């Protein structure tokens, strides 16, 4: 009898052991999280030769202080890194470094988590690279190249993205809402000082040389957020994304979009084109008033900075006056004209601030 019990006991133990082992098999165990590969300076230097599609990323906040030659600046702080990931090709190899380990480790892990499979992190970061005797580049940031899909997402997501066409074929075809800087009539180099360096800029042309040169002008002028459309206009058109032909147009913004943009960029000028008595009843806080119906707007347009962003709206006319005003400003050569869709009524309905104090009409607090 005892032998039968022992046999049954042994069988039960084996069965339980089998279940435990089955429960620990790879089929039921959660997969190990993706990660990156740490490399020392010598290994990193070898990657520059071995990985022909290698992209070097400096994820520090101070790119100018020092980086591996040829590195693209994509700081992990401030949200720019998360936006930039969308423009990176997951099929390429990436070498990540910074001034500190904390920054490079975070960035490398984010790439791995996003599905990038060939991610290397420089152990010891730039100090270790420099201690090993390898070259360090110092100076201005490097422009971020974006594939058409990423450029399109950026254009949809960032209200403060200004798209610049530096070709002489703007009328024949350009990206939606792009501003044209014809090299033969209005070269970008002659107007960089008129642009706001705090906005974001996506530059393209009809050739790589033209867009690279244009991006270089912005970077040298101290612009922080500069992107170049990889493949330029032809790549965008080949991807079958929307293009516009003919002269420039203005852009409509909803009340929440306009309010957000005003809060991000205090230099955004707002113009109310309603009659003076309507303006004094209520208007967007900080707005200027130039009535489009009596020629007041026509008088001031020639003196406006054509490279400055403007938001135009009217009140109580179903948008007719604001459309006329926005169109007149664009036709006069103003590059970045926005119109408040729904005008003042939608602004008020969205709960955005207004003022009724006439003394505030020339720049009160928003």
Protein backbone atom coordinates (compact mmCIF):
# COMPACT_ATOMS: atom_id res chain seq x y z
CA UNK A 1 0.00 0.00 0.00
CA UNK A 2 2.82 2.39 0.88
CA UNK A 3 4.48 1.91 -2.47
CA UNK A 4 1.24 2.83 -4.25
CA UNK A 5 0.97 6.03 -2.17
CA UNK A 6 4.60 6.89 -2.89
CA UNK A 7 4.03 6.39 -6.59
CA UNK A 8 0.92 8.57 -6.54
CA UNK A 9 2.78 11.22 -4.52
CA UNK A 10 5.67 11.20 -6.96
CA UNK A 11 3.30 11.48 -9.89
CA UNK A 12 1.57 14.45 -8.29
CA UNK A 13 4.91 16.18 -7.66
CA UNK A 14 5.93 15.61 -11.28
CA UNK A 15 2.62 16.99 -12.52
CA UNK A 16 2.96 20.12 -10.38
CA UNK A 17 6.56 20.55 -11.50
CA UNK A 18 5.47 20.30 -15.12
CA UNK A 19 2.83 22.98 -14.62
CA UNK A 20 5.32 25.27 -12.91
CA UNK A 21 7.83 24.80 -15.70
CA UNK A 22 5.13 25.37 -18.30
CA UNK A 23 4.10 28.54 -16.52
CA UNK A 24 7.69 29.82 -16.75
CA UNK A 25 8.04 29.05 -20.46
CA UNK A 26 8.73 31.85 -22.92
CA UNK A 27 5.24 31.57 -24.40
CA UNK A 28 3.54 32.78 -21.23
CA UNK A 29 6.25 35.02 -19.78
CA UNK A 30 6.02 38.70 -20.73
CA UNK A 31 8.66 39.75 -23.24
CA UNK A 32 11.70 41.60 -21.96
CA UNK A 33 11.44 45.37 -22.54
CA UNK A 34 13.41 46.81 -25.44
CA UNK A 35 16.70 48.44 -24.57
CA UNK A 36 19.79 50.01 -26.10
CA UNK A 37 23.45 49.01 -26.35
CA UNK A 38 26.08 50.89 -24.33
CA UNK A 39 29.38 51.39 -26.16
CA UNK A 40 32.68 52.84 -24.98
CA UNK A 41 34.40 55.65 -26.94
CA UNK A 42 36.51 53.24 -29.02
CA UNK A 43 33.46 51.19 -29.96
CA UNK A 44 31.51 54.33 -30.73
CA UNK A 45 34.30 55.60 -32.94
CA UNK A 46 34.29 52.29 -34.81
CA UNK A 47 30.55 52.63 -35.38
CA UNK A 48 31.18 55.79 -37.37
CA UNK A 49 32.83 53.59 -39.99
CA UNK A 50 30.98 50.31 -39.61
CA UNK A 51 27.42 51.63 -39.54
CA UNK A 52 27.02 53.40 -42.86
CA UNK A 53 23.53 54.65 -41.97
CA UNK A 54 24.48 55.86 -38.50
CA UNK A 55 22.80 59.01 -37.15
CA UNK A 56 24.55 60.76 -34.27
CA UNK A 57 22.25 62.46 -31.77
CA UNK A 58 23.34 64.99 -29.17
CA UNK A 59 20.50 65.08 -26.64
CA UNK A 60 22.05 67.68 -24.33
CA UNK A 61 20.55 71.13 -23.87
CA UNK A 62 23.81 72.85 -24.84
CA UNK A 63 24.76 71.56 -28.26
CA UNK A 64 27.12 74.47 -28.90
CA UNK A 65 29.22 73.56 -25.84
CA UNK A 66 30.43 70.40 -27.55
CA UNK A 67 29.30 67.31 -29.47
CA UNK A 68 30.57 64.53 -31.71
CA UNK A 69 31.20 65.99 -35.19
CA UNK A 70 28.13 65.76 -37.39
CA UNK A 71 25.72 65.21 -34.51
CA UNK A 72 22.15 66.44 -34.77
CA UNK A 73 20.86 68.46 -31.84
CA UNK A 74 17.73 66.94 -30.29
CA UNK A 75 17.54 67.89 -26.59
CA UNK A 76 15.73 65.38 -24.41
CA UNK A 77 14.48 68.22 -22.22
CA UNK A 78 11.62 70.54 -23.15
CA UNK A 79 9.56 68.27 -25.39
CA UNK A 80 11.59 68.73 -28.56
CA UNK A 81 12.92 65.16 -28.40
CA UNK A 82 9.46 63.59 -28.40
CA UNK A 83 8.49 65.68 -31.44
CA UNK A 84 11.77 64.89 -33.19
CA UNK A 85 11.40 61.12 -32.81
CA UNK A 86 8.52 61.25 -35.27
CA UNK A 87 10.93 62.49 -37.93
CA UNK A 88 13.54 59.78 -37.43
CA UNK A 89 13.80 56.66 -39.58
CA UNK A 90 13.45 53.60 -37.28
CA UNK A 91 15.38 51.52 -39.79
CA UNK A 92 18.65 53.41 -39.22
CA UNK A 93 21.25 53.10 -36.47
CA UNK A 94 21.58 55.80 -33.79
CA UNK A 95 24.43 56.80 -31.52
CA UNK A 96 23.18 58.85 -28.58
CA UNK A 97 25.30 61.06 -26.36
CA UNK A 98 25.00 64.10 -24.11
CA UNK A 99 26.96 65.98 -21.48
CA UNK A 100 25.51 63.78 -18.73
CA UNK A 101 24.59 60.10 -18.46
CA UNK A 102 21.11 60.84 -17.15
CA UNK A 103 20.12 62.66 -20.35
CA UNK A 104 21.61 60.14 -22.79
CA UNK A 105 20.18 57.14 -20.91
CA UNK A 106 16.69 58.64 -20.99
CA UNK A 107 16.91 59.48 -24.69
CA UNK A 108 18.33 56.09 -25.69
CA UNK A 109 15.61 54.27 -23.77
CA UNK A 110 12.91 56.40 -25.37
CA UNK A 111 14.20 55.44 -28.80
CA UNK A 112 14.21 51.78 -27.84
CA UNK A 113 10.70 52.04 -26.41
CA UNK A 114 9.56 53.65 -29.67
CA UNK A 115 10.66 50.58 -31.63
CA UNK A 116 14.14 51.63 -32.79
CA UNK A 117 16.23 48.44 -32.82
CA UNK A 118 19.78 49.74 -33.37
CA UNK A 119 20.31 52.24 -30.60
CA UNK A 120 23.76 52.79 -29.09
CA UNK A 121 24.57 55.01 -26.13
CA UNK A 122 28.04 56.45 -25.58
CA UNK A 123 29.09 55.30 -22.10
CA UNK A 124 30.62 58.21 -20.24
CA UNK A 125 29.13 60.56 -22.82
CA UNK A 126 31.05 63.50 -24.27
CA UNK A 127 33.59 63.75 -21.40
CA UNK A 128 34.67 60.15 -22.03
CA UNK A 129 34.82 60.76 -25.78
CA UNK A 130 37.02 63.80 -25.30
CA UNK A 131 39.23 62.04 -22.72
CA UNK A 132 39.83 59.28 -25.28
CA UNK A 133 41.33 61.88 -27.61
CA UNK A 134 38.56 61.95 -30.21
CA UNK A 135 37.49 65.12 -31.99
CA UNK A 136 34.84 67.34 -30.44
CA UNK A 137 32.89 69.90 -32.47
CA UNK A 138 31.69 73.12 -30.87
CA UNK A 139 29.37 75.76 -32.21
CA UNK A 140 25.88 76.12 -33.69
CA UNK A 141 23.28 73.39 -33.73
CA UNK A 142 22.73 71.10 -36.69
CA UNK A 143 19.44 71.22 -38.59
CA UNK A 144 16.99 68.37 -38.08
CA UNK A 145 16.03 66.63 -41.34
CA UNK A 146 12.42 65.42 -41.46
CA UNK A 147 10.93 62.87 -43.82
CA UNK A 148 7.72 64.06 -45.52
CA UNK A 149 5.47 62.05 -43.17
CA UNK A 150 7.12 63.59 -40.10
CA UNK A 151 7.06 67.08 -41.61
CA UNK A 152 3.35 66.70 -42.26
CA UNK A 153 2.71 65.62 -38.66
CA UNK A 154 4.74 68.52 -37.37
CA UNK A 155 2.77 70.94 -39.53
CA UNK A 156 -0.48 69.54 -38.15
CA UNK A 157 0.66 69.54 -34.52
CA UNK A 158 2.61 72.79 -34.21
CA UNK A 159 0.64 75.98 -34.71
CA UNK A 160 3.88 77.97 -34.45
CA UNK A 161 5.57 76.16 -37.33
CA UNK A 162 6.40 78.50 -40.21
CA UNK A 163 7.04 76.74 -43.52
CA UNK A 164 9.47 78.46 -45.87
CA UNK A 165 9.87 77.77 -49.58
CA UNK A 166 13.23 79.02 -50.88
CA UNK A 167 12.70 78.13 -54.53
CA UNK A 168 11.84 80.33 -57.49
CA UNK A 169 8.88 78.06 -58.35
CA UNK A 170 6.55 78.90 -55.47
CA UNK A 171 3.52 79.64 -57.66
CA UNK A 172 3.95 76.35 -59.52
CA UNK A 173 3.54 74.37 -56.32
CA UNK A 174 4.27 74.73 -52.61
CA UNK A 175 3.42 73.14 -49.28
CA UNK A 176 0.15 74.31 -47.72
CA UNK A 177 0.48 77.74 -46.06
CA UNK A 178 4.17 78.02 -46.95
CA UNK A 179 5.78 81.45 -47.24
CA UNK A 180 7.81 82.02 -50.39
CA UNK A 181 11.28 83.54 -50.39
CA UNK A 182 12.30 83.64 -54.03
CA UNK A 183 16.13 83.74 -54.20
CA UNK A 184 15.96 86.06 -57.20
CA UNK A 185 13.44 88.54 -55.78
CA UNK A 186 13.32 88.22 -52.02
CA UNK A 187 16.16 86.02 -50.75
CA UNK A 188 15.83 84.62 -47.26
CA UNK A 189 19.29 85.85 -46.29
CA UNK A 190 18.19 89.47 -46.68
CA UNK A 191 15.21 88.94 -44.37
CA UNK A 192 16.41 86.60 -41.61
CA UNK A 193 16.72 89.50 -39.17
CA UNK A 194 12.99 90.21 -39.62
CA UNK A 195 11.94 86.70 -38.53
CA UNK A 196 11.22 85.73 -34.94
CA UNK A 197 13.84 83.19 -33.72
CA UNK A 198 11.41 81.79 -31.13
CA UNK A 199 9.10 80.25 -33.73
CA UNK A 200 9.76 76.93 -35.46
CA UNK A 201 10.81 76.81 -39.11
CA UNK A 202 10.54 74.08 -41.73
CA UNK A 203 12.56 74.90 -44.83
CA UNK A 204 12.52 73.27 -48.26
CA UNK A 205 13.27 74.11 -51.85
CA UNK A 206 13.60 72.44 -55.22
CA UNK A 207 17.13 71.30 -54.48
CA UNK A 208 19.04 70.07 -51.45
CA UNK A 209 21.71 72.75 -51.82
CA UNK A 210 19.13 75.53 -51.61
CA UNK A 211 17.37 74.22 -48.50
CA UNK A 212 20.61 73.35 -46.71
CA UNK A 213 21.95 76.84 -47.35
CA UNK A 214 18.70 78.41 -46.10
CA UNK A 215 18.68 76.32 -42.92
CA UNK A 216 22.28 77.31 -42.32
CA UNK A 217 21.29 80.98 -42.39
CA UNK A 218 18.67 80.41 -39.68
CA UNK A 219 21.00 78.39 -37.47
CA UNK A 220 23.78 80.96 -37.76
CA UNK A 221 21.28 83.65 -36.75
CA UNK A 222 20.55 81.77 -33.53
CA UNK A 223 17.22 80.16 -34.41
CA UNK A 224 16.65 77.19 -32.07
CA UNK A 225 14.02 75.11 -33.88
CA UNK A 226 15.00 74.59 -37.49
CA UNK A 227 13.91 71.67 -39.66
CA UNK A 228 14.62 70.76 -43.28
CA UNK A 229 12.29 68.71 -45.45
CA UNK A 230 14.36 65.68 -46.45
CA UNK A 231 14.01 65.33 -50.21
CA UNK A 232 12.57 68.84 -50.48
CA UNK A 233 9.45 69.57 -52.56
CA UNK A 234 9.81 66.53 -54.82
CA UNK A 235 9.71 64.14 -51.87
CA UNK A 236 6.58 65.83 -50.49
CA UNK A 237 4.82 65.68 -53.87
CA UNK A 238 5.91 62.06 -54.43
CA UNK A 239 4.31 61.15 -51.10
CA UNK A 240 1.03 62.47 -52.57
CA UNK A 241 0.57 65.08 -49.83
CA UNK A 242 -1.47 68.18 -50.53
CA UNK A 243 0.16 71.06 -52.36
CA UNK A 244 -1.06 74.53 -53.21
CA UNK A 245 -0.48 76.53 -56.37
CA UNK A 246 -0.68 80.20 -57.10
CA UNK A 247 -0.17 83.05 -54.63
CA UNK A 248 0.08 82.74 -50.86
CA UNK A 249 -3.00 82.41 -48.65
CA UNK A 250 -3.88 83.11 -45.04
CA UNK A 251 -4.56 80.45 -42.41
CA UNK A 252 -7.73 80.11 -40.35
CA UNK A 253 -7.35 79.39 -36.63
CA UNK A 254 -10.09 78.34 -34.23
CA UNK A 255 -10.49 80.41 -31.06
CA UNK A 256 -8.72 77.80 -28.84
CA UNK A 257 -5.87 77.54 -31.37
CA UNK A 258 -5.47 81.30 -31.56
CA UNK A 259 -5.52 81.66 -27.78
CA UNK A 260 -2.88 78.97 -27.41
CA UNK A 261 -0.64 80.61 -29.99
CA UNK A 262 -1.04 84.02 -28.37
CA UNK A 263 0.04 82.58 -25.03
CA UNK A 264 3.10 80.90 -26.55
CA UNK A 265 4.20 83.93 -28.59
CA UNK A 266 3.62 87.36 -27.08
CA UNK A 267 4.85 89.14 -30.19
CA UNK A 268 1.87 87.86 -32.19
CA UNK A 269 0.05 91.02 -33.30
CA UNK A 270 -3.77 90.99 -33.25
CA UNK A 271 -5.74 93.34 -35.52
CA UNK A 272 -9.48 93.98 -35.18
CA UNK A 273 -10.83 95.30 -38.50
CA UNK A 274 -14.30 96.22 -37.17
CA UNK A 275 -15.64 99.81 -37.05
CA UNK A 276 -14.31 101.79 -34.10
CA UNK A 277 -17.60 101.89 -32.17
CA UNK A 278 -17.94 98.08 -32.47
CA UNK A 279 -14.35 97.63 -31.39
CA UNK A 280 -14.92 99.71 -28.26
CA UNK A 281 -17.88 97.59 -27.24
CA UNK A 282 -15.64 94.53 -26.93
CA UNK A 283 -12.44 93.25 -28.53
CA UNK A 284 -9.67 90.72 -28.05
CA UNK A 285 -7.44 91.94 -25.24
CA UNK A 286 -4.41 93.74 -26.64
CA UNK A 287 -5.79 94.06 -30.18
CA UNK A 288 -5.12 97.01 -32.47
CA UNK A 289 -8.03 98.52 -34.40
CA UNK A 290 -7.85 99.38 -38.12
CA UNK A 291 -11.25 99.33 -39.79
CA UNK A 292 -11.11 97.64 -43.16
CA UNK A 293 -14.20 99.47 -44.45
CA UNK A 294 -12.89 103.03 -44.32
CA UNK A 295 -9.38 102.49 -45.64
CA UNK A 296 -7.66 102.60 -42.22
CA UNK A 297 -6.17 99.15 -42.71
CA UNK A 298 -4.95 100.00 -46.22
CA UNK A 299 -3.07 102.98 -44.78
CA UNK A 300 -1.13 100.94 -42.20
CA UNK A 301 -0.43 97.79 -44.23
CA UNK A 302 2.64 99.22 -46.05
CA UNK A 303 4.26 99.99 -42.68
CA UNK A 304 3.75 96.53 -41.19
CA UNK A 305 6.64 94.09 -40.90
CA UNK A 306 5.94 91.67 -43.74
CA UNK A 307 7.74 88.84 -41.95
CA UNK A 308 5.88 89.23 -38.67
CA UNK A 309 2.86 87.03 -37.70
CA UNK A 310 -0.56 88.72 -37.58
CA UNK A 311 -3.96 87.52 -36.39
CA UNK A 312 -6.96 89.27 -37.99
CA UNK A 313 -10.60 89.20 -36.94
CA UNK A 314 -13.80 91.24 -37.10
CA UNK A 315 -17.11 91.36 -35.27
CA UNK A 316 -20.73 90.76 -36.24
CA UNK A 317 -20.37 90.41 -40.02
CA UNK A 318 -20.16 86.64 -40.53
CA UNK A 319 -16.42 86.91 -41.21
CA UNK A 320 -16.70 88.99 -44.37
CA UNK A 321 -14.49 91.84 -43.17
CA UNK A 322 -11.82 89.60 -41.65
CA UNK A 323 -11.55 87.62 -44.90
CA UNK A 324 -11.21 90.81 -46.92
CA UNK A 325 -8.57 92.12 -44.51
CA UNK A 326 -6.57 88.89 -44.39
CA UNK A 327 -6.61 88.63 -48.16
CA UNK A 328 -5.49 92.26 -48.54
CA UNK A 329 -2.59 91.70 -46.16
CA UNK A 330 -1.44 88.58 -48.00
CA UNK A 331 -1.73 90.30 -51.38
CA UNK A 332 0.41 93.13 -50.01
CA UNK A 333 3.17 90.64 -49.36
CA UNK A 334 2.73 89.87 -45.65
CA UNK A 335 4.07 86.36 -45.16
CA UNK A 336 2.35 85.06 -42.03
CA UNK A 337 -1.29 86.06 -41.81
CA UNK A 338 -3.79 84.18 -39.66
CA UNK A 339 -7.53 84.76 -39.44
CA UNK A 340 -9.68 84.03 -36.39
CA UNK A 341 -12.27 81.58 -37.68
CA UNK A 342 -15.66 82.57 -36.27
CA UNK A 343 -14.27 85.99 -35.40
CA UNK A 344 -15.09 87.62 -32.07
CA UNK A 345 -18.29 85.62 -31.49
CA UNK A 346 -16.42 82.31 -31.40
CA UNK A 347 -13.67 83.89 -29.30
CA UNK A 348 -16.22 84.95 -26.67
CA UNK A 349 -18.08 81.64 -26.81
CA UNK A 350 -14.81 79.80 -26.21
CA UNK A 351 -14.32 81.78 -23.00
CA UNK A 352 -11.27 83.68 -24.24
CA UNK A 353 -10.62 87.14 -22.69
CA UNK A 354 -11.98 90.38 -24.10
CA UNK A 355 -11.73 93.99 -22.98
CA UNK A 356 -14.06 96.97 -23.30
CA UNK A 357 -11.53 99.60 -22.21
CA UNK A 358 -10.55 101.77 -25.22
CA UNK A 359 -7.29 102.71 -23.52
CA UNK A 360 -6.20 99.08 -23.82
CA UNK A 361 -6.50 99.01 -27.60
CA UNK A 362 -2.82 99.43 -28.23
CA UNK A 363 -1.34 96.59 -26.28
CA UNK A 364 -2.92 95.82 -22.90
CA UNK A 365 -2.38 92.63 -20.93
CA UNK A 366 -3.69 89.46 -22.45
